[in-house]
Protein backbone atom coordinates (compact mmCIF):
# COMPACT_ATOMS: atom_id res chain seq x y z
CA MET A 1 -14.69 -6.37 2.73
CA ARG A 2 -13.20 -4.12 0.05
CA LEU A 3 -9.56 -3.00 0.30
CA LEU A 4 -7.73 -0.12 -1.38
CA LEU A 5 -3.92 -0.35 -1.50
CA LEU A 6 -1.59 2.51 -2.35
CA SER A 7 1.94 3.65 -1.68
CA ASP A 8 4.51 6.26 -2.64
CA THR A 9 2.15 9.19 -3.13
CA HIS A 10 5.02 11.70 -2.77
CA LEU A 11 2.70 14.71 -2.57
CA PRO A 12 3.15 17.50 -3.46
CA LYS A 13 6.51 16.68 -5.08
CA ARG A 14 5.36 14.18 -7.74
CA ALA A 15 1.80 15.50 -8.14
CA LYS A 16 -0.29 18.28 -6.64
CA GLN A 17 -3.08 15.95 -5.55
CA LEU A 18 -4.19 12.34 -5.62
CA PRO A 19 -5.73 11.29 -8.96
CA ALA A 20 -9.52 11.58 -9.22
CA PRO A 21 -10.09 7.85 -9.99
CA LEU A 22 -8.21 6.92 -6.82
CA LEU A 23 -10.16 9.45 -4.74
CA ALA A 24 -13.38 8.00 -6.15
CA GLU A 25 -12.39 4.58 -4.76
CA LEU A 26 -12.05 5.84 -1.18
CA PRO A 27 -15.78 5.76 -0.28
CA ARG A 28 -16.06 2.23 -1.67
CA ALA A 29 -13.21 0.88 0.50
CA ASP A 30 -13.73 -0.59 3.94
CA VAL A 31 -9.99 -0.41 4.62
CA VAL A 32 -7.29 1.71 2.97
CA PHE A 33 -3.64 0.63 3.15
CA HIS A 34 -0.83 3.13 2.49
CA ALA A 35 2.68 1.66 2.44
CA GLY A 36 4.62 4.86 3.04
CA ASP A 37 6.33 7.79 1.32
CA TRP A 38 3.44 10.18 1.84
CA VAL A 39 5.90 13.11 2.02
CA ASP A 40 3.28 15.59 3.32
CA THR A 41 0.97 15.40 6.31
CA ALA A 42 -1.94 16.84 4.29
CA THR A 43 -2.26 13.53 2.42
CA LEU A 44 -2.37 11.61 5.70
CA ASP A 45 -4.98 14.05 7.04
CA LEU A 46 -7.08 13.63 3.87
CA LEU A 47 -6.97 9.83 3.95
CA GLU A 48 -7.79 9.80 7.66
CA GLN A 49 -10.86 11.97 6.94
CA LEU A 50 -12.07 10.05 3.88
CA SER A 51 -11.29 6.46 4.89
CA ARG A 52 -13.47 4.25 7.04
CA ARG A 53 -10.27 2.67 8.32
CA LEU A 54 -6.69 3.57 7.41
CA VAL A 55 -3.67 1.33 7.97
CA GLY A 56 -0.46 3.16 7.10
CA VAL A 57 3.27 3.30 7.72
CA HIS A 58 5.99 5.87 7.15
CA GLY A 59 8.56 5.53 4.39
CA ASN A 60 12.13 6.62 3.84
CA ASN A 61 11.03 10.01 2.39
CA ASP A 62 8.73 10.84 5.30
CA GLY A 63 9.92 13.44 7.78
CA PRO A 64 9.54 13.73 11.55
CA ASP A 65 5.90 14.87 11.46
CA LEU A 66 4.80 11.73 9.60
CA ARG A 67 7.12 9.46 11.58
CA ALA A 68 5.54 10.77 14.79
CA ARG A 69 2.08 9.71 13.55
CA LEU A 70 2.85 6.48 11.69
CA PRO A 71 4.73 3.29 12.60
CA GLU A 72 7.48 1.68 10.54
CA VAL A 73 5.43 -1.55 10.44
CA ALA A 74 1.66 -1.88 10.89
CA TYR A 75 -0.49 -4.94 11.45
CA ALA A 76 -4.21 -5.56 10.98
CA GLU A 77 -6.43 -8.61 11.14
CA LEU A 78 -9.27 -8.42 8.64
CA GLY A 79 -11.81 -11.08 7.82
CA GLY A 80 -9.62 -13.85 9.20
CA LEU A 81 -6.44 -12.71 7.39
CA ARG A 82 -3.39 -11.21 9.08
CA PHE A 83 -1.94 -8.22 7.20
CA ALA A 84 1.44 -6.56 7.67
CA VAL A 85 2.41 -3.26 6.06
CA VAL A 86 5.96 -1.96 5.59
CA HIS A 87 7.57 0.47 3.18
CA GLU A 88 10.84 -1.21 2.20
CA THR A 89 11.52 -4.91 1.62
CA GLY A 90 14.96 -4.74 -0.02
CA PRO A 91 15.96 -6.02 -3.47
CA ALA A 92 13.55 -7.99 -5.64
CA GLN A 93 15.81 -11.04 -5.68
CA GLY A 94 15.06 -13.14 -2.62
CA ARG A 95 12.16 -10.91 -1.54
CA GLU A 96 9.68 -13.73 -0.92
CA ALA A 97 12.00 -15.73 1.35
CA ARG A 98 13.24 -12.64 3.16
CA CYS A 99 9.72 -11.32 3.83
CA ALA A 100 8.37 -14.73 4.82
CA ALA A 101 11.13 -14.94 7.45
CA ARG A 102 10.52 -11.37 8.65
CA PHE A 103 6.71 -11.69 8.79
CA PRO A 104 6.07 -15.34 9.73
CA ASP A 105 2.66 -14.59 11.26
CA ALA A 106 1.28 -12.58 8.32
CA ASP A 107 -0.87 -13.89 5.49
CA VAL A 108 -0.52 -10.75 3.34
CA LEU A 109 2.29 -8.18 3.18
CA VAL A 110 1.58 -4.78 1.63
CA PHE A 111 4.75 -2.87 0.74
CA GLY A 112 6.02 -0.02 -1.42
CA HIS A 113 9.26 1.87 -2.10
CA SER A 114 10.09 0.60 -5.60
CA HIS A 115 7.01 2.06 -7.36
CA ILE A 116 6.92 -1.28 -9.19
CA PRO A 117 3.66 -3.25 -8.87
CA TRP A 118 4.25 -6.69 -7.37
CA ASP A 119 2.00 -9.65 -6.67
CA THR A 120 3.67 -12.90 -5.68
CA THR A 121 3.27 -15.63 -3.10
CA ALA A 122 6.14 -16.98 -1.00
CA PRO A 123 6.50 -20.76 -0.57
CA THR A 124 5.15 -20.29 2.98
CA GLY A 125 1.91 -18.87 1.54
CA LEU A 126 2.65 -15.20 2.35
CA ARG A 127 1.12 -13.01 -0.38
CA LEU A 128 3.26 -9.98 -1.24
CA LEU A 129 1.53 -6.96 -2.79
CA ASN A 130 3.04 -3.68 -3.95
CA PRO A 131 0.44 -1.37 -5.50
CA GLY A 132 3.03 0.80 -7.26
CA SER A 133 2.50 4.56 -7.11
CA PRO A 134 -0.57 6.57 -8.13
CA THR A 135 1.53 9.70 -8.72
CA ASP A 136 5.07 8.68 -9.77
CA ARG A 137 5.35 5.88 -12.32
CA ARG A 138 9.15 6.13 -12.55
CA ARG A 139 10.12 3.53 -15.16
CA GLN A 140 6.67 1.90 -15.22
CA PRO A 141 4.23 2.48 -18.09
CA HIS A 142 1.45 3.71 -15.76
CA CYS A 143 0.78 5.10 -12.32
CA THR A 144 -1.11 2.44 -10.35
CA TYR A 145 -2.95 1.36 -7.23
CA MET A 146 -4.64 -1.91 -6.18
CA THR A 147 -7.99 -3.06 -4.90
CA ALA A 148 -8.89 -6.43 -3.38
CA THR A 149 -11.58 -8.11 -1.34
CA VAL A 150 -11.43 -10.23 1.78
CA GLU A 151 -14.13 -12.82 2.27
CA ASP A 152 -14.24 -15.93 4.44
CA GLY A 153 -10.53 -15.74 5.24
CA ARG A 154 -9.53 -15.41 1.58
CA LEU A 155 -7.96 -12.56 -0.37
CA ASP A 156 -9.78 -12.32 -3.71
CA ASP A 157 -10.20 -10.00 -6.65
CA VAL A 158 -6.72 -8.49 -6.41
CA LEU A 159 -6.70 -5.93 -9.22
CA LEU A 160 -4.00 -3.55 -10.35
CA HIS A 161 -5.57 -0.34 -11.61
CA ARG A 162 -3.75 1.76 -14.19
CA LEU A 163 -4.33 5.47 -13.97
CA PRO A 164 -4.60 7.70 -17.04
CA PRO A 165 -1.67 10.00 -17.78
CA ARG A 166 -1.84 13.41 -16.12
């Protein structure tokens, strides 16, 4: 099962549209995760139309229209792994312990907010993944997103993809 992970698209404020390489990944993905800060409903509509399955949450920059359609936290069981999705996880220091306590039944946590790619594992085994942002690199060298695969109850092939400058 192929996964596509993204967050913090901030359309149309940070970009007018999603980058072409990211859009090209959508048909290849069995499940698309979006960890919030969509900003516009058109992006949610687009991903709902183009994704086989979409698991998304709202972020701190998402208004009432998005909050009415998306939860603050989402859960999905895929290929024997339990996923949780949330926008904010707080400061980087202590993140693994804090998230492991908040999501004790999850195997993988997908999150956003910082626009900083993140891939760590808590002592409990919880894998924490932040795909960065495909449209707003902030202080990062590149805009990014992630792909991964799930097979036989394992998360494999976690790749951070760097997008070319606009």
